[in-house]
């Protein structure tokens, strides 16, 4: 039996933050922006996660380092 191939994967996280409290339309805009970015990359919106951290609503997802474009 041979050992499975080991791969080192480098990921970068794309993150959008909305300070809380925030209006529902602002939260919808944040989620819509993330959905649009994922759709443009051919990925489902379920790849993103939402969390509240330090008084901000964070919407984030991981991208392979090779796919990162600095703006």
C-alpha atoms as a PDB file:
ATOM      1  CA  UNK A   1       0.000   0.000   0.000  1.00  0.00           C
ATOM      2  CA  UNK A   2       1.350   3.412  -0.895  1.00  0.00           C
ATOM      3  CA  UNK A   3       0.779   6.547   1.089  1.00  0.00           C
ATOM      4  CA  UNK A   4      -1.612   9.111  -0.397  1.00  0.00           C
ATOM      5  CA  UNK A   5      -0.089  12.153  -2.073  1.00  0.00           C
ATOM      6  CA  UNK A   6       0.334  15.086   0.270  1.00  0.00           C
ATOM      7  CA  UNK A   7      -0.389  18.539  -1.092  1.00  0.00           C
ATOM      8  CA  UNK A   8       0.293  21.880   0.489  1.00  0.00           C
ATOM      9  CA  UNK A   9      -2.436  24.327  -0.446  1.00  0.00           C
ATOM     10  CA  UNK A  10      -2.133  28.052   0.073  1.00  0.00           C
ATOM     11  CA  UNK A  11      -5.402  29.916   0.451  1.00  0.00           C
ATOM     12  CA  UNK A  12      -6.266  33.555   0.791  1.00  0.00           C
ATOM     13  CA  UNK A  13      -9.480  34.781   2.361  1.00  0.00           C
ATOM     14  CA  UNK A  14     -11.617  37.437   0.728  1.00  0.00           C
ATOM     15  CA  UNK A  15     -13.568  39.291   3.383  1.00  0.00           C
ATOM     16  CA  UNK A  16     -16.275  41.952   3.380  1.00  0.00           C
ATOM     17  CA  UNK A  17     -17.124  43.698   6.659  1.00  0.00           C
ATOM     18  CA  UNK A  18     -20.182  45.695   7.696  1.00  0.00           C
ATOM     19  CA  UNK A  19     -20.098  47.552  11.037  1.00  0.00           C
ATOM     20  CA  UNK A  20     -23.035  46.724  13.306  1.00  0.00           C
ATOM     21  CA  UNK A  21     -25.694  47.838  13.908  1.00  0.00           C
ATOM     22  CA  UNK A  22     -26.566  48.002  10.216  1.00  0.00           C
ATOM     23  CA  UNK A  23     -29.766  48.271   8.226  1.00  0.00           C
ATOM     24  CA  UNK A  24     -31.267  45.274   6.465  1.00  0.00           C
ATOM     25  CA  UNK A  25     -30.681  46.871   3.025  1.00  0.00           C
ATOM     26  CA  UNK A  26     -26.976  47.325   3.905  1.00  0.00           C
ATOM     27  CA  UNK A  27     -26.714  43.662   4.944  1.00  0.00           C
ATOM     28  CA  UNK A  28     -28.466  42.622   1.716  1.00  0.00           C
ATOM     29  CA  UNK A  29     -25.995  44.727  -0.300  1.00  0.00           C
ATOM     30  CA  UNK A  30     -23.064  43.035   1.457  1.00  0.00           C
ATOM     31  CA  UNK A  31     -24.458  39.565   0.735  1.00  0.00           C
ATOM     32  CA  UNK A  32     -25.273  40.528  -2.849  1.00  0.00           C
ATOM     33  CA  UNK A  33     -21.699  41.702  -3.444  1.00  0.00           C
ATOM     34  CA  UNK A  34     -20.304  38.402  -2.191  1.00  0.00           C
ATOM     35  CA  UNK A  35     -22.806  36.398  -4.266  1.00  0.00           C
ATOM     36  CA  UNK A  36     -21.839  38.361  -7.376  1.00  0.00           C
ATOM     37  CA  UNK A  37     -18.112  37.785  -6.832  1.00  0.00           C
ATOM     38  CA  UNK A  38     -18.636  34.072  -6.321  1.00  0.00           C
ATOM     39  CA  UNK A  39     -20.941  33.788  -9.346  1.00  0.00           C
ATOM     40  CA  UNK A  40     -18.348  35.569 -11.507  1.00  0.00           C
ATOM     41  CA  UNK A  41     -15.830  32.919 -10.411  1.00  0.00           C
ATOM     42  CA  UNK A  42     -18.297  30.117 -11.189  1.00  0.00           C
ATOM     43  CA  UNK A  43     -18.713  29.235  -7.523  1.00  0.00           C
ATOM     44  CA  UNK A  44     -21.907  28.734  -5.492  1.00  0.00           C
ATOM     45  CA  UNK A  45     -22.878  31.279  -2.859  1.00  0.00           C
ATOM     46  CA  UNK A  46     -22.732  28.458  -0.299  1.00  0.00           C
ATOM     47  CA  UNK A  47     -18.926  28.776  -0.449  1.00  0.00           C
ATOM     48  CA  UNK A  48     -19.225  31.951   1.661  1.00  0.00           C
ATOM     49  CA  UNK A  49     -19.758  32.170   5.396  1.00  0.00           C
ATOM     50  CA  UNK A  50     -21.313  34.884   7.536  1.00  0.00           C
ATOM     51  CA  UNK A  51     -20.196  35.608  11.090  1.00  0.00           C
ATOM     52  CA  UNK A  52     -20.398  38.407  13.600  1.00  0.00           C
ATOM     53  CA  UNK A  53     -16.917  39.251  14.878  1.00  0.00           C
ATOM     54  CA  UNK A  54     -15.952  42.252  17.001  1.00  0.00           C
ATOM     55  CA  UNK A  55     -19.071  44.220  16.150  1.00  0.00           C
ATOM     56  CA  UNK A  56     -18.944  43.568  12.413  1.00  0.00           C
ATOM     57  CA  UNK A  57     -20.892  41.297  10.099  1.00  0.00           C
ATOM     58  CA  UNK A  58     -18.242  39.458   8.082  1.00  0.00           C
ATOM     59  CA  UNK A  59     -18.957  37.718   4.802  1.00  0.00           C
ATOM     60  CA  UNK A  60     -15.954  35.738   3.639  1.00  0.00           C
ATOM     61  CA  UNK A  61     -14.721  32.914   1.458  1.00  0.00           C
ATOM     62  CA  UNK A  62     -11.388  31.307   0.653  1.00  0.00           C
ATOM     63  CA  UNK A  63      -9.728  31.589  -2.747  1.00  0.00           C
ATOM     64  CA  UNK A  64      -6.637  29.777  -4.048  1.00  0.00           C
ATOM     65  CA  UNK A  65      -3.580  32.018  -3.868  1.00  0.00           C
ATOM     66  CA  UNK A  66      -3.106  31.711  -7.650  1.00  0.00           C
ATOM     67  CA  UNK A  67      -6.532  33.296  -8.164  1.00  0.00           C
ATOM     68  CA  UNK A  68      -5.838  36.373  -6.018  1.00  0.00           C
ATOM     69  CA  UNK A  69      -5.829  39.691  -7.833  1.00  0.00           C
ATOM     70  CA  UNK A  70      -4.624  42.734  -5.916  1.00  0.00           C
ATOM     71  CA  UNK A  71      -6.823  45.777  -6.449  1.00  0.00           C
END
